[in-house]
Amino acid sequence: MTFLLPERPVGTLADWLALGGGDGLRAARRLGREGTIDELRASGLRGRGGGGFPTGAKWAGVAQAAGTHHYAVCNAAEGEPGTFKDRRLMRDNPYQLIEGLAIAAFAIGATEAFIGLKASFTTEIDRLTRALAEMTAAGLAGDVGITIVPGPEEYLLGEEKALLEVIEGKDPLPRLLPPYLHGLFSTAPQMGWIPTPREPGHPEPHESNPTLVNNAETLSNVPWILARGPEWFRTMGTPSSPGTIVATVCGDVAHPVVAEVEMGTRLAELLGGAAGGPLPGRTWKAVFSGVANPVVDPSRFNLPMTYEDFAAHGTGLGAAGFIVYDDSACMVNVARVFSRFLAVESCGQCGPCKIGSGEITDRLDRIERGEGSDADIQRIGHWLGTVTDGARCYLATEERDTVSSILRCYPEEFAAHLETGTCPHPRDLVVPKIVDLEDGRVTYDESQARKRPDWTYAPA
């Protein structure tokens, strides 16, 4: 069953109303704030941004938190390599996202709401802007203002604490405390004793300003749940991971795709079905859920796509953006490409993260070039053990978990490089950071290879 991805793009408000648009917001107003949160709890909806945290519990925590103002934020700054599902949702039906955010703002008593995404998402910004104008004019955008905030290209824009910084007009540098403790425009000190000055236009003190941040796909589910009920939502998926999930598949597959499937669908079914199977004459070697989780080797391709099943097998479902590599790919090179992406995108606020990920990348580069030694493996191991020290976001953990999993699962490929000085699977690889995916054709961001650790770009 699919409902988030329509058969045809929802191009006008009339199209959305014909599908039942507005019913979710009306149901929320009828239920009241607590009743709305209770419905989300009963549905079992879990965050689709990667963490899988129960949505109803998250809303309740923010709604009950002390503070002068509350805010609601949609995180649509999709930048995880291998993912395109949020952009597809915004292109095909921006109305459901806006209505979901309006319901969230109502439920937590927000005074303002924001949608944060990259300025490079021009198609999505256009669709959201037109949809928001239509819904506002029709009284279907909720009771508070919704502002679309374009941000920079950096990977960390998708980190919720960094996204709040960008909404406040700053760089995407993750703050120390999470949004429910230190939200938007907070005048309470984040650390130490120096508070943030009150921003213009808000005469009252803000204290901690608890802020709700939900992923675009998470919020897109909300109108349907409120309109049709939590029991309907639980007819799909599994008891612990109900509903559907919008998955992206790219890399060494016959048909790169964004597909909506029920939670609990086997990964092998997605790869062999909607993604068309492997390329002719090839067999698969590895699958990654973005660059944030340990590798899934072929022996585990039959995993059900649920948060608990992936966690039980030592990895994570993440945002269900699957990067597939076949037997023509060198896993040392894959590790190097992933590590370099994370090292470049690290903001530098935490020394072990920036220095460690850079050092790991340099050592992997030496091994890939045929110049490595056992000492390089030892140094990689050292930095994998310390790269997360003092980290204020998850990027360093991604570096540790992804690279260490490749070392564990494919030791023979590292040994071959060290023993022969040559790569057994020479092939150019790019970071699978998707800028477009349409009709089975995927386009990657070629500029990422020129990006430097200071976030500038080398000349083309």
Protein backbone atom coordinates (compact mmCIF):
# COMPACT_ATOMS: atom_id res chain seq x y z
CA MET A 1 0.00 0.00 0.00
CA THR A 2 1.22 3.50 -0.81
CA PHE A 3 -0.25 6.83 0.19
CA LEU A 4 2.68 9.22 0.63
CA LEU A 5 3.80 8.89 -3.00
CA PRO A 6 0.78 9.55 -5.23
CA GLU A 7 0.28 7.98 -8.65
CA ARG A 8 0.47 11.49 -10.11
CA PRO A 9 1.99 14.61 -8.53
CA VAL A 10 -0.48 16.63 -6.46
CA GLY A 11 -0.17 19.89 -8.36
CA THR A 12 -2.89 22.08 -6.85
CA LEU A 13 -4.77 22.56 -3.60
CA ALA A 14 -7.88 21.24 -5.34
CA ASP A 15 -6.01 18.01 -6.05
CA TRP A 16 -5.04 17.74 -2.39
CA LEU A 17 -8.58 18.42 -1.19
CA ALA A 18 -9.85 15.70 -3.52
CA LEU A 19 -7.55 13.23 -1.76
CA GLY A 20 -8.81 14.29 1.67
CA GLY A 21 -6.54 17.24 2.30
CA GLY A 22 -7.55 19.32 5.31
CA ASP A 23 -9.20 16.36 7.07
CA GLY A 24 -6.16 15.83 9.27
CA LEU A 25 -6.04 19.42 10.50
CA ARG A 26 -9.77 19.41 11.17
CA ALA A 27 -9.42 16.17 13.12
CA ALA A 28 -6.61 17.69 15.20
CA ARG A 29 -8.71 20.71 16.09
CA ARG A 30 -11.59 18.44 17.05
CA LEU A 31 -9.36 16.24 19.21
CA GLY A 32 -7.49 19.11 20.84
CA ARG A 33 -3.78 19.23 21.54
CA GLU A 34 -3.55 16.34 23.98
CA GLY A 35 -5.91 14.21 21.92
CA THR A 36 -3.86 14.83 18.79
CA ILE A 37 -0.68 13.73 20.54
CA ASP A 38 -2.50 10.67 21.89
CA GLU A 39 -3.46 9.71 18.33
CA LEU A 40 0.16 9.98 17.22
CA ARG A 41 1.24 7.84 20.18
CA ALA A 42 -1.38 5.21 19.36
CA SER A 43 -0.29 5.09 15.71
CA GLY A 44 3.25 4.06 16.62
CA LEU A 45 4.71 6.43 14.00
CA ARG A 46 8.48 6.63 14.33
CA GLY A 47 10.75 9.35 13.00
CA ARG A 48 11.74 8.76 9.40
CA GLY A 49 14.83 10.97 9.49
CA GLY A 50 17.05 8.13 10.65
CA GLY A 51 16.64 7.83 14.41
CA GLY A 52 13.27 6.08 14.50
CA PHE A 53 12.23 7.82 17.74
CA PRO A 54 8.49 7.53 18.57
CA THR A 55 6.84 10.66 17.17
CA GLY A 56 4.05 10.91 19.75
CA ALA A 57 6.53 10.75 22.63
CA LYS A 58 8.65 13.44 21.00
CA TRP A 59 5.66 15.74 20.57
CA ALA A 60 4.53 15.15 24.16
CA GLY A 61 7.98 15.97 25.53
CA VAL A 62 8.12 19.31 23.74
CA ALA A 63 4.49 20.18 24.51
CA GLN A 64 5.02 19.58 28.24
CA ALA A 65 8.39 21.33 28.48
CA ALA A 66 8.69 24.67 30.23
CA GLY A 67 9.50 27.76 28.22
CA THR A 68 7.93 31.00 27.03
CA HIS A 69 7.72 30.02 23.38
CA HIS A 70 7.58 26.73 21.53
CA TYR A 71 8.52 26.24 17.88
CA ALA A 72 7.96 23.54 15.26
CA VAL A 73 10.52 22.80 12.55
CA CYS A 74 10.40 20.54 9.50
CA ASN A 75 13.84 19.20 8.62
CA ALA A 76 13.76 18.90 4.83
CA ALA A 77 17.50 19.52 4.36
CA GLU A 78 18.09 16.07 2.89
CA GLY A 79 21.82 15.61 2.37
CA GLU A 80 22.55 12.01 3.31
CA PRO A 81 24.29 10.25 0.40
CA GLY A 82 21.99 7.70 -1.16
CA THR A 83 18.76 9.50 -0.22
CA PHE A 84 16.20 11.34 -2.33
CA LYS A 85 12.93 10.47 -0.60
CA ASP A 86 12.22 13.83 1.05
CA ARG A 87 12.81 15.68 -2.19
CA ARG A 88 10.50 13.26 -3.99
CA LEU A 89 7.81 13.83 -1.36
CA MET A 90 8.11 17.61 -1.67
CA ARG A 91 7.97 17.43 -5.45
CA ASP A 92 5.01 15.06 -5.60
CA ASN A 93 2.90 16.36 -2.70
CA PRO A 94 4.10 19.36 -0.69
CA TYR A 95 0.60 19.86 0.73
CA GLN A 96 0.76 16.85 3.04
CA LEU A 97 4.04 18.08 4.51
CA ILE A 98 2.67 21.57 5.17
CA GLU A 99 -0.49 20.19 6.74
CA GLY A 100 1.58 17.85 8.89
CA LEU A 101 3.71 20.74 10.12
CA ALA A 102 0.58 22.80 10.84
CA ILE A 103 -0.79 19.93 12.95
CA ALA A 104 2.50 19.58 14.81
CA ALA A 105 2.59 23.31 15.54
CA PHE A 106 -0.97 23.14 16.86
CA ALA A 107 -0.29 20.10 19.03
CA ILE A 108 2.75 21.53 20.82
CA GLY A 109 1.41 25.08 21.07
CA ALA A 110 4.03 26.57 18.76
CA THR A 111 4.13 30.29 18.08
CA GLU A 112 5.95 29.90 14.74
CA ALA A 113 6.93 27.09 12.38
CA PHE A 114 9.73 26.69 9.86
CA ILE A 115 10.70 24.44 6.96
CA GLY A 116 14.48 24.21 6.57
CA LEU A 117 16.03 22.92 3.35
CA LYS A 118 18.94 23.60 1.03
CA ALA A 119 18.84 26.66 -1.22
CA SER A 120 19.91 24.36 -4.07
CA PHE A 121 16.54 22.58 -3.84
CA THR A 122 15.00 25.08 -6.22
CA THR A 123 12.24 22.80 -7.53
CA GLU A 124 11.20 21.84 -4.02
CA ILE A 125 11.27 25.44 -2.78
CA ASP A 126 9.05 26.47 -5.67
CA ARG A 127 6.55 23.68 -4.99
CA LEU A 128 6.47 24.39 -1.25
CA THR A 129 6.14 28.15 -1.74
CA ARG A 130 3.17 27.81 -4.09
CA ALA A 131 1.49 25.17 -1.92
CA LEU A 132 1.96 27.25 1.23
CA ALA A 133 0.45 30.30 -0.43
CA GLU A 134 -2.58 28.30 -1.57
CA MET A 135 -3.10 26.68 1.81
CA THR A 136 -2.66 29.94 3.71
CA ALA A 137 -5.23 31.66 1.52
CA ALA A 138 -7.66 28.79 2.13
CA GLY A 139 -7.07 28.75 5.89
CA LEU A 140 -5.51 25.28 5.76
CA ALA A 141 -1.96 26.15 6.89
CA GLY A 142 -2.76 26.21 10.60
CA ASP A 143 -2.88 29.03 13.10
CA VAL A 144 0.75 30.15 13.08
CA GLY A 145 3.03 31.44 10.38
CA ILE A 146 5.16 28.95 8.45
CA THR A 147 8.44 30.23 7.02
CA ILE A 148 10.54 28.44 4.39
CA VAL A 149 14.25 28.84 5.21
CA PRO A 150 16.81 28.05 2.48
CA GLY A 151 20.20 27.00 3.82
CA PRO A 152 23.73 26.18 2.64
CA GLU A 153 24.86 23.00 0.92
CA GLU A 154 26.70 21.53 3.90
CA TYR A 155 25.83 18.02 5.09
CA LEU A 156 25.43 19.29 8.65
CA LEU A 157 22.45 21.41 7.66
CA GLY A 158 20.49 18.17 8.10
CA GLU A 159 21.66 17.84 11.73
CA GLU A 160 18.82 19.24 13.80
CA LYS A 161 20.95 21.40 16.11
CA ALA A 162 22.81 22.88 13.14
CA LEU A 163 19.50 23.46 11.32
CA LEU A 164 18.30 25.61 14.21
CA GLU A 165 21.46 27.69 13.92
CA VAL A 166 20.75 28.31 10.22
CA ILE A 167 17.14 29.30 10.93
CA GLU A 168 18.59 31.88 13.32
CA GLY A 169 20.81 33.20 10.54
CA LYS A 170 24.06 31.50 11.56
CA ASP A 171 26.36 28.89 10.04
CA PRO A 172 25.40 25.16 10.21
CA LEU A 173 27.51 24.41 13.29
CA PRO A 174 25.74 22.02 15.68
CA ARG A 175 25.03 23.57 19.05
CA LEU A 176 25.70 21.61 22.21
CA LEU A 177 22.19 20.93 23.55
CA PRO A 178 19.26 19.27 21.73
CA PRO A 179 16.28 21.34 20.49
CA TYR A 180 13.94 20.27 23.28
CA LEU A 181 16.40 21.72 25.80
CA HIS A 182 17.76 24.68 23.85
CA GLY A 183 15.40 25.65 21.06
CA LEU A 184 15.08 28.47 18.59
CA PHE A 185 15.87 32.03 19.66
CA SER A 186 16.55 30.93 23.22
CA THR A 187 17.87 33.55 25.61
CA ALA A 188 18.81 30.90 28.18
CA PRO A 189 22.56 30.16 28.25
CA GLN A 190 23.46 27.09 26.22
CA MET A 191 26.56 26.61 28.36
CA GLY A 192 28.43 28.78 30.79
CA TRP A 193 26.72 31.98 31.93
CA ILE A 194 26.30 34.16 28.85
CA PRO A 195 22.76 34.21 27.41
CA THR A 196 21.82 34.96 23.81
CA PRO A 197 20.37 38.48 23.33
CA ARG A 198 16.64 38.59 22.69
CA GLU A 199 15.92 38.72 18.95
CA PRO A 200 14.00 41.67 17.46
CA GLY A 201 10.21 41.47 17.40
CA HIS A 202 9.83 39.29 20.50
CA PRO A 203 9.34 41.44 23.61
CA GLU A 204 9.13 38.56 26.12
CA PRO A 205 12.03 36.51 27.48
CA HIS A 206 12.30 33.14 25.78
CA GLU A 207 13.98 30.92 28.37
CA SER A 208 14.77 27.60 26.68
CA ASN A 209 12.10 27.72 23.93
CA PRO A 210 11.58 23.94 23.47
CA THR A 211 11.55 23.21 19.75
CA LEU A 212 10.14 20.23 17.88
CA VAL A 213 12.15 19.05 14.87
CA ASN A 214 10.66 16.37 12.62
CA ASN A 215 11.79 15.02 9.27
CA ALA A 216 9.76 15.83 6.14
CA GLU A 217 8.60 12.23 5.69
CA THR A 218 7.55 11.98 9.34
CA LEU A 219 5.35 15.06 9.03
CA SER A 220 3.94 13.90 5.70
CA ASN A 221 2.45 10.89 7.52
CA VAL A 222 0.65 12.99 10.11
CA PRO A 223 -2.39 14.25 8.12
CA TRP A 224 -3.22 10.73 6.99
CA ILE A 225 -3.00 9.33 10.52
CA LEU A 226 -5.19 12.07 11.97
CA ALA A 227 -7.75 11.75 9.15
CA ARG A 228 -7.91 7.93 9.03
CA GLY A 229 -6.97 6.96 12.57
CA PRO A 230 -4.10 5.12 14.22
CA GLU A 231 -5.75 1.73 13.68
CA TRP A 232 -5.64 2.28 9.91
CA PHE A 233 -1.95 3.18 10.09
CA ARG A 234 -1.20 0.01 12.06
CA THR A 235 -2.70 -2.19 9.34
CA MET A 236 0.63 -1.62 7.55
CA GLY A 237 4.11 -2.56 8.66
CA THR A 238 4.92 -4.37 11.89
CA PRO A 239 3.80 -3.87 15.51
CA SER A 240 7.04 -2.08 16.42
CA SER A 241 7.57 -0.32 13.07
CA PRO A 242 4.11 0.39 11.64
CA GLY A 243 3.26 2.19 8.41
CA THR A 244 5.21 2.53 5.20
CA ILE A 245 8.68 3.86 4.47
CA VAL A 246 9.88 5.78 1.44
CA ALA A 247 13.15 4.16 0.40
CA THR A 248 15.81 5.25 -2.08
CA VAL A 249 18.01 2.75 -3.92
CA CYS A 250 21.02 3.83 -5.96
CA GLY A 251 24.44 2.55 -6.99
CA ASP A 252 24.99 -0.78 -8.72
CA VAL A 253 21.37 -1.62 -9.50
CA ALA A 254 19.49 -1.86 -12.77
CA HIS A 255 16.90 0.77 -11.84
CA PRO A 256 17.72 3.45 -9.24
CA VAL A 257 14.42 4.31 -7.61
CA VAL A 258 12.45 6.01 -4.85
CA ALA A 259 9.75 3.59 -3.70
CA GLU A 260 7.21 3.49 -0.88
CA VAL A 261 6.94 0.07 0.74
CA GLU A 262 5.48 -1.29 3.95
CA MET A 263 7.79 -1.41 6.93
CA GLY A 264 8.93 -5.00 7.34
CA THR A 265 9.42 -5.55 3.62
CA ARG A 266 12.58 -7.56 3.06
CA LEU A 267 15.56 -5.56 1.80
CA ALA A 268 16.17 -8.22 -0.85
CA GLU A 269 12.62 -7.74 -2.12
CA LEU A 270 13.19 -4.00 -2.55
CA LEU A 271 16.55 -4.49 -4.26
CA GLY A 272 15.36 -7.25 -6.56
CA GLY A 273 11.96 -5.71 -7.23
CA ALA A 274 11.59 -1.95 -7.55
CA ALA A 275 15.36 -1.51 -8.02
CA GLY A 276 15.49 -4.12 -10.79
CA GLY A 277 18.20 -6.38 -9.38
CA PRO A 278 21.95 -6.27 -10.06
CA LEU A 279 23.58 -5.09 -13.26
CA PRO A 280 24.04 -7.80 -15.92
CA GLY A 281 26.71 -10.33 -15.00
CA ARG A 282 27.31 -8.88 -11.55
CA THR A 283 26.65 -9.96 -7.99
CA TRP A 284 26.15 -7.67 -5.03
CA LYS A 285 28.83 -7.22 -2.40
CA ALA A 286 27.56 -4.57 0.03
CA VAL A 287 24.68 -2.27 0.89
CA PHE A 288 24.87 0.85 3.06
CA SER A 289 22.03 2.88 4.51
CA GLY A 290 23.57 6.25 3.67
CA VAL A 291 27.02 6.81 5.14
CA ALA A 292 25.64 6.73 8.68
CA ASN A 293 25.41 3.00 9.40
CA PRO A 294 27.56 -0.15 9.27
CA VAL A 295 27.59 -2.17 6.06
CA VAL A 296 25.01 -4.86 5.31
CA ASP A 297 26.74 -7.80 3.60
CA PRO A 298 24.95 -10.22 1.23
CA SER A 299 24.29 -12.75 3.99
CA ARG A 300 21.88 -10.23 5.56
CA PHE A 301 20.11 -8.90 2.47
CA ASN A 302 16.92 -10.66 3.55
CA LEU A 303 16.59 -8.37 6.58
CA PRO A 304 13.10 -6.93 7.17
CA MET A 305 13.19 -3.16 6.85
CA THR A 306 12.37 -2.24 10.44
CA TYR A 307 14.35 -0.27 12.97
CA GLU A 308 14.52 -3.18 15.40
CA ASP A 309 15.60 -5.80 12.82
CA PHE A 310 18.41 -3.66 11.45
CA ALA A 311 19.56 -2.78 14.97
CA ALA A 312 19.53 -6.46 15.98
CA HIS A 313 21.96 -7.15 13.13
CA GLY A 314 24.39 -4.44 14.19
CA THR A 315 23.42 -1.73 11.74
CA GLY A 316 20.69 0.88 11.26
CA LEU A 317 17.81 1.48 8.86
CA GLY A 318 18.57 5.19 8.86
CA ALA A 319 16.58 7.17 6.32
CA ALA A 320 16.29 4.06 4.09
CA GLY A 321 18.63 5.49 1.48
CA PHE A 322 20.40 2.38 0.21
CA ILE A 323 23.73 2.56 -1.61
CA VAL A 324 24.49 -0.72 -3.39
CA TYR A 325 27.92 -1.97 -4.51
CA ASP A 326 28.57 -5.06 -6.61
CA ASP A 327 31.63 -7.26 -7.07
CA SER A 328 33.34 -4.70 -9.32
CA ALA A 329 33.75 -2.25 -6.43
CA CYS A 330 36.81 -2.05 -4.17
CA MET A 331 35.72 -1.85 -0.55
CA VAL A 332 38.92 -0.06 0.43
CA ASN A 333 37.95 2.63 -2.05
CA VAL A 334 34.39 2.68 -0.71
CA ALA A 335 35.76 3.25 2.79
CA ARG A 336 38.02 6.03 1.50
CA VAL A 337 35.20 7.77 -0.39
CA PHE A 338 32.83 7.64 2.60
CA SER A 339 35.54 8.74 5.03
CA ARG A 340 36.58 11.67 2.86
CA PHE A 341 32.97 12.85 2.58
CA LEU A 342 32.60 12.86 6.37
CA ALA A 343 36.03 14.41 6.96
CA VAL A 344 35.25 17.24 4.55
CA GLU A 345 31.78 17.83 6.00
CA SER A 346 32.95 17.78 9.63
CA CYS A 347 32.57 21.32 10.98
CA GLY A 348 35.74 21.36 13.10
CA GLN A 349 34.13 22.31 16.42
CA CYS A 350 35.21 18.96 17.88
CA GLY A 351 38.93 18.36 17.32
CA PRO A 352 38.93 14.53 17.45
CA CYS A 353 36.23 14.43 14.76
CA LYS A 354 37.87 16.78 12.28
CA ILE A 355 41.44 15.64 12.84
CA GLY A 356 40.60 11.97 13.25
CA SER A 357 38.35 11.64 10.21
CA GLY A 358 40.96 13.46 8.13
CA GLU A 359 43.72 11.18 9.37
CA ILE A 360 41.62 8.08 8.67
CA THR A 361 40.95 9.35 5.16
CA ASP A 362 44.65 10.00 4.51
CA ARG A 363 45.60 6.49 5.65
CA LEU A 364 42.87 4.90 3.54
CA ASP A 365 44.08 6.93 0.59
CA ARG A 366 47.62 5.59 1.07
CA ILE A 367 46.35 2.01 1.18
CA GLU A 368 44.18 2.51 -1.89
CA ARG A 369 47.15 3.93 -3.84
CA GLY A 370 49.22 0.87 -2.97
CA GLU A 371 51.51 2.77 -0.59
CA GLY A 372 50.03 1.53 2.68
CA SER A 373 51.47 -0.58 5.47
CA ASP A 374 50.36 -2.31 8.65
CA ALA A 375 51.17 0.93 10.46
CA ASP A 376 48.40 2.66 8.50
CA ILE A 377 45.87 0.05 9.67
CA GLN A 378 47.06 0.57 13.25
CA ARG A 379 46.65 4.34 13.00
CA ILE A 380 43.19 3.93 11.51
CA GLY A 381 42.31 1.70 14.45
CA HIS A 382 43.61 4.29 16.89
CA TRP A 383 41.56 7.10 15.40
CA LEU A 384 38.43 4.94 15.13
CA GLY A 385 38.68 4.56 18.89
CA THR A 386 38.96 8.28 19.62
CA VAL A 387 37.24 10.12 16.75
CA THR A 388 33.96 10.40 18.72
CA ASP A 389 35.54 11.96 21.83
CA GLY A 390 33.54 15.02 22.86
CA ALA A 391 31.38 14.93 19.71
CA ARG A 392 28.34 17.21 19.76
CA CYS A 393 26.69 15.53 16.74
CA TYR A 394 26.52 12.08 15.14
CA LEU A 395 28.99 12.62 12.28
CA ALA A 396 31.98 11.19 14.14
CA THR A 397 29.96 8.11 15.07
CA GLU A 398 29.15 7.64 11.38
CA GLU A 399 32.87 7.74 10.58
CA ARG A 400 33.65 5.18 13.28
CA ASP A 401 30.80 2.77 12.55
CA THR A 402 30.97 2.81 8.75
CA VAL A 403 34.73 2.51 8.32
CA SER A 404 35.18 -0.06 11.09
CA SER A 405 32.42 -2.22 9.62
CA ILE A 406 34.15 -2.27 6.22
CA LEU A 407 37.43 -3.24 7.87
CA ARG A 408 35.70 -6.10 9.70
CA CYS A 409 33.67 -7.42 6.76
CA TYR A 410 36.26 -7.16 3.97
CA PRO A 411 39.70 -7.73 5.57
CA GLU A 412 40.90 -9.67 2.52
CA GLU A 413 40.60 -6.58 0.32
CA PHE A 414 42.75 -4.53 2.68
CA ALA A 415 45.25 -7.40 2.85
CA ALA A 416 45.42 -7.56 -0.94
CA HIS A 417 46.30 -3.87 -1.15
CA LEU A 418 48.97 -4.18 1.53
CA GLU A 419 50.52 -7.37 0.14
CA THR A 420 50.54 -6.59 -3.58
CA GLY A 421 50.43 -2.79 -3.68
CA THR A 422 47.67 -2.99 -6.28
CA CYS A 423 43.90 -2.78 -6.19
CA PRO A 424 42.12 -6.02 -7.18
CA HIS A 425 39.02 -4.07 -8.20
CA PRO A 426 40.18 -0.78 -9.79
CA ARG A 427 37.22 1.47 -10.46
CA ASP A 428 36.46 5.15 -10.00
CA LEU A 429 33.84 5.81 -7.33
CA VAL A 430 32.01 9.00 -6.45
CA VAL A 431 30.14 10.01 -3.33
CA PRO A 432 26.53 9.03 -4.12
CA LYS A 433 25.14 12.42 -3.08
CA ILE A 434 22.03 12.62 -5.23
CA VAL A 435 20.94 15.84 -6.92
CA ASP A 436 18.25 14.23 -9.09
CA LEU A 437 16.60 10.84 -9.52
CA GLU A 438 13.97 10.50 -12.20
CA ASP A 439 12.74 7.54 -14.27
CA GLY A 440 15.56 5.27 -13.18
CA ARG A 441 18.28 7.81 -13.93
CA VAL A 442 20.32 9.19 -11.05
CA THR A 443 22.55 12.27 -11.09
CA TYR A 444 25.23 12.72 -8.43
CA ASP A 445 26.79 15.95 -7.17
CA GLU A 446 30.04 16.14 -9.14
CA SER A 447 31.19 19.19 -7.17
CA GLN A 448 31.47 17.17 -3.96
CA ALA A 449 34.82 15.73 -5.13
CA ARG A 450 36.21 19.30 -5.26
CA LYS A 451 34.99 20.28 -1.80
CA ARG A 452 37.75 20.94 0.70
CA PRO A 453 37.80 20.50 4.50
CA ASP A 454 37.27 24.26 5.00
CA TRP A 455 34.04 23.99 2.96
CA THR A 456 35.48 25.85 -0.03
CA TYR A 457 35.80 24.25 -3.47
CA ALA A 458 38.84 23.64 -5.60
CA PRO A 459 38.58 25.09 -9.12
CA ALA A 460 36.81 22.83 -11.59
